[in-house]
Amino acid sequence: MNIRTLIPAILLAVAASGCATWEGMSARERSAAIGAGVGGVAGAVVTDGGVLGTVGGAAIGGVIGDQIGKHKN
């Protein structure tokens, strides 16, 4: 893994999470947002910063987070 890939991915995830308004979101929406962030970072790390891997990871992570959030109260 390249450190030049990891640092921008982490900064992007932190910046995106800072833009979210958590108070107005349901548990399902929060889980989807967290899943998308984690998936995007994981996809970037696995594909060494590839755009397709980052976007694909974010999409898959968002779907998984959405499904997990569906079962939260």
N, C-alpha and C. Protein backbone atom coordinates (compact mmCIF):
# COMPACT_ATOMS: atom_id res chain seq x y z
N MET A 1 0.84 -1.18 0.00
CA MET A 1 0.00 0.00 0.00
C MET A 1 0.89 1.24 0.00
N ASN A 2 0.46 2.22 -0.73
CA ASN A 2 1.22 3.45 -0.88
C ASN A 2 0.68 4.50 0.07
N ILE A 3 1.55 5.12 0.86
CA ILE A 3 1.14 6.14 1.82
C ILE A 3 0.56 7.36 1.11
N ARG A 4 1.01 7.60 -0.14
CA ARG A 4 0.48 8.74 -0.90
C ARG A 4 -0.96 8.50 -1.34
N THR A 5 -1.41 7.26 -1.29
CA THR A 5 -2.80 6.94 -1.60
C THR A 5 -3.66 6.95 -0.33
N LEU A 6 -3.10 6.46 0.75
CA LEU A 6 -3.85 6.32 1.99
C LEU A 6 -4.21 7.67 2.61
N ILE A 7 -3.29 8.59 2.65
CA ILE A 7 -3.54 9.89 3.30
C ILE A 7 -4.67 10.67 2.62
N PRO A 8 -4.70 10.82 1.29
CA PRO A 8 -5.84 11.52 0.68
C PRO A 8 -7.17 10.80 0.90
N ALA A 9 -7.14 9.48 0.92
CA ALA A 9 -8.38 8.74 1.14
C ALA A 9 -8.91 8.99 2.55
N ILE A 10 -8.04 9.00 3.54
CA ILE A 10 -8.47 9.28 4.91
C ILE A 10 -8.96 10.72 5.03
N LEU A 11 -8.25 11.66 4.43
CA LEU A 11 -8.69 13.06 4.49
C LEU A 11 -10.04 13.26 3.82
N LEU A 12 -10.27 12.58 2.72
CA LEU A 12 -11.56 12.67 2.04
C LEU A 12 -12.68 12.12 2.92
N ALA A 13 -12.44 11.01 3.58
CA ALA A 13 -13.45 10.42 4.45
C ALA A 13 -13.76 11.35 5.63
N VAL A 14 -12.75 11.95 6.21
CA VAL A 14 -12.96 12.86 7.33
C VAL A 14 -13.71 14.11 6.86
N ALA A 15 -13.35 14.64 5.72
CA ALA A 15 -14.02 15.84 5.20
C ALA A 15 -15.48 15.55 4.88
N ALA A 16 -15.75 14.41 4.29
CA ALA A 16 -17.13 14.06 3.95
C ALA A 16 -17.97 13.85 5.20
N SER A 17 -17.39 13.25 6.21
CA SER A 17 -18.16 13.01 7.43
C SER A 17 -18.44 14.32 8.16
N GLY A 18 -17.57 15.32 8.00
CA GLY A 18 -17.80 16.60 8.64
C GLY A 18 -18.92 17.40 8.00
N CYS A 19 -19.26 17.08 6.76
CA CYS A 19 -20.32 17.80 6.06
C CYS A 19 -21.71 17.27 6.39
N ALA A 20 -21.78 16.13 6.97
CA ALA A 20 -23.07 15.50 7.23
C ALA A 20 -23.74 16.13 8.45
N THR A 21 -25.04 16.24 8.41
CA THR A 21 -25.82 16.69 9.56
C THR A 21 -26.45 15.46 10.18
N TRP A 22 -25.83 14.97 11.23
CA TRP A 22 -26.26 13.70 11.83
C TRP A 22 -27.61 13.81 12.55
N GLU A 23 -27.96 14.99 13.05
CA GLU A 23 -29.18 15.12 13.83
C GLU A 23 -30.44 14.83 13.01
N GLY A 24 -30.42 15.21 11.75
CA GLY A 24 -31.60 15.04 10.91
C GLY A 24 -31.65 13.71 10.18
N MET A 25 -30.69 12.84 10.44
CA MET A 25 -30.62 11.57 9.72
C MET A 25 -31.14 10.42 10.58
N SER A 26 -31.77 9.47 9.92
CA SER A 26 -32.21 8.27 10.64
C SER A 26 -31.01 7.35 10.84
N ALA A 27 -31.20 6.32 11.64
CA ALA A 27 -30.12 5.35 11.88
C ALA A 27 -29.72 4.67 10.58
N ARG A 28 -30.69 4.43 9.72
CA ARG A 28 -30.41 3.78 8.45
C ARG A 28 -29.56 4.67 7.54
N GLU A 29 -29.89 5.96 7.51
CA GLU A 29 -29.12 6.91 6.69
C GLU A 29 -27.70 7.08 7.23
N ARG A 30 -27.56 7.15 8.54
CA ARG A 30 -26.22 7.26 9.14
C ARG A 30 -25.39 6.02 8.82
N SER A 31 -25.99 4.86 8.95
CA SER A 31 -25.26 3.62 8.65
C SER A 31 -24.83 3.57 7.18
N ALA A 32 -25.70 4.02 6.29
CA ALA A 32 -25.34 4.04 4.86
C ALA A 32 -24.20 5.01 4.60
N ALA A 33 -24.21 6.17 5.23
CA ALA A 33 -23.13 7.15 5.05
C ALA A 33 -21.80 6.63 5.59
N ILE A 34 -21.85 6.00 6.75
CA ILE A 34 -20.63 5.44 7.33
C ILE A 34 -20.12 4.31 6.46
N GLY A 35 -21.02 3.45 6.01
CA GLY A 35 -20.62 2.35 5.14
C GLY A 35 -20.00 2.83 3.84
N ALA A 36 -20.55 3.88 3.27
CA ALA A 36 -20.00 4.44 2.03
C ALA A 36 -18.61 5.01 2.26
N GLY A 37 -18.42 5.68 3.38
CA GLY A 37 -17.10 6.22 3.68
C GLY A 37 -16.06 5.14 3.89
N VAL A 38 -16.41 4.15 4.68
CA VAL A 38 -15.48 3.05 4.95
C VAL A 38 -15.21 2.26 3.66
N GLY A 39 -16.26 2.00 2.89
CA GLY A 39 -16.09 1.28 1.64
C GLY A 39 -15.24 2.03 0.64
N GLY A 40 -15.41 3.33 0.57
CA GLY A 40 -14.60 4.14 -0.34
C GLY A 40 -13.13 4.12 0.02
N VAL A 41 -12.84 4.24 1.31
CA VAL A 41 -11.44 4.18 1.75
C VAL A 41 -10.87 2.78 1.49
N ALA A 42 -11.64 1.75 1.81
CA ALA A 42 -11.16 0.38 1.58
C ALA A 42 -10.92 0.13 0.09
N GLY A 43 -11.84 0.61 -0.74
CA GLY A 43 -11.67 0.44 -2.18
C GLY A 43 -10.45 1.17 -2.71
N ALA A 44 -10.18 2.34 -2.17
CA ALA A 44 -9.00 3.10 -2.59
C ALA A 44 -7.72 2.39 -2.17
N VAL A 45 -7.73 1.83 -0.99
CA VAL A 45 -6.53 1.13 -0.50
C VAL A 45 -6.29 -0.14 -1.31
N VAL A 46 -7.35 -0.90 -1.55
CA VAL A 46 -7.20 -2.18 -2.26
C VAL A 46 -6.74 -1.96 -3.70
N THR A 47 -7.28 -0.95 -4.37
CA THR A 47 -6.95 -0.72 -5.78
C THR A 47 -5.82 0.27 -5.97
N ASP A 48 -5.14 0.62 -4.88
CA ASP A 48 -4.02 1.56 -4.93
C ASP A 48 -4.43 2.91 -5.49
N GLY A 49 -5.59 3.38 -5.08
CA GLY A 49 -6.06 4.70 -5.47
C GLY A 49 -6.86 4.75 -6.75
N GLY A 50 -7.26 3.60 -7.26
CA GLY A 50 -8.04 3.57 -8.49
C GLY A 50 -9.43 4.16 -8.29
N VAL A 51 -9.86 4.95 -9.25
CA VAL A 51 -11.16 5.62 -9.14
C VAL A 51 -12.29 4.60 -9.12
N LEU A 52 -12.23 3.62 -9.99
CA LEU A 52 -13.28 2.61 -10.05
C LEU A 52 -13.38 1.82 -8.75
N GLY A 53 -12.25 1.48 -8.17
CA GLY A 53 -12.25 0.76 -6.90
C GLY A 53 -12.79 1.61 -5.77
N THR A 54 -12.47 2.89 -5.76
CA THR A 54 -12.95 3.79 -4.72
C THR A 54 -14.46 3.98 -4.82
N VAL A 55 -14.94 4.24 -6.01
CA VAL A 55 -16.38 4.43 -6.21
C VAL A 55 -17.14 3.13 -5.97
N GLY A 56 -16.60 2.03 -6.45
CA GLY A 56 -17.23 0.73 -6.23
C GLY A 56 -17.28 0.37 -4.76
N GLY A 57 -16.19 0.63 -4.05
CA GLY A 57 -16.17 0.36 -2.61
C GLY A 57 -17.17 1.22 -1.86
N ALA A 58 -17.29 2.47 -2.26
CA ALA A 58 -18.26 3.36 -1.61
C ALA A 58 -19.69 2.89 -1.87
N ALA A 59 -19.96 2.45 -3.09
CA ALA A 59 -21.31 1.98 -3.42
C ALA A 59 -21.65 0.71 -2.64
N ILE A 60 -20.72 -0.23 -2.63
CA ILE A 60 -20.97 -1.48 -1.91
C ILE A 60 -21.08 -1.22 -0.41
N GLY A 61 -20.20 -0.39 0.12
CA GLY A 61 -20.26 -0.05 1.55
C GLY A 61 -21.55 0.66 1.92
N GLY A 62 -22.04 1.53 1.04
CA GLY A 62 -23.30 2.21 1.31
C GLY A 62 -24.47 1.26 1.35
N VAL A 63 -24.49 0.30 0.45
CA VAL A 63 -25.58 -0.69 0.44
C VAL A 63 -25.52 -1.56 1.68
N ILE A 64 -24.32 -2.00 2.05
CA ILE A 64 -24.19 -2.83 3.26
C ILE A 64 -24.59 -2.03 4.49
N GLY A 65 -24.12 -0.79 4.59
CA GLY A 65 -24.51 0.05 5.72
C GLY A 65 -26.01 0.30 5.78
N ASP A 66 -26.63 0.48 4.63
CA ASP A 66 -28.07 0.66 4.58
C ASP A 66 -28.80 -0.55 5.11
N GLN A 67 -28.35 -1.73 4.73
CA GLN A 67 -29.01 -2.95 5.17
C GLN A 67 -28.80 -3.20 6.66
N ILE A 68 -27.61 -2.85 7.17
CA ILE A 68 -27.37 -2.98 8.61
C ILE A 68 -28.21 -1.97 9.38
N GLY A 69 -28.31 -0.75 8.87
CA GLY A 69 -29.10 0.29 9.53
C GLY A 69 -30.58 -0.01 9.53
N LYS A 70 -31.04 -0.81 8.61
CA LYS A 70 -32.46 -1.17 8.54
C LYS A 70 -32.91 -1.91 9.80
N HIS A 71 -31.98 -2.63 10.41
CA HIS A 71 -32.33 -3.44 11.56
C HIS A 71 -32.08 -2.74 12.89
N LYS A 72 -31.59 -1.50 12.86
CA LYS A 72 -31.38 -0.74 14.09
C LYS A 72 -32.68 -0.04 14.47
N ASN A 73 -32.84 0.20 15.75
CA ASN A 73 -34.04 0.92 16.24
C ASN A 73 -33.89 2.39 16.11
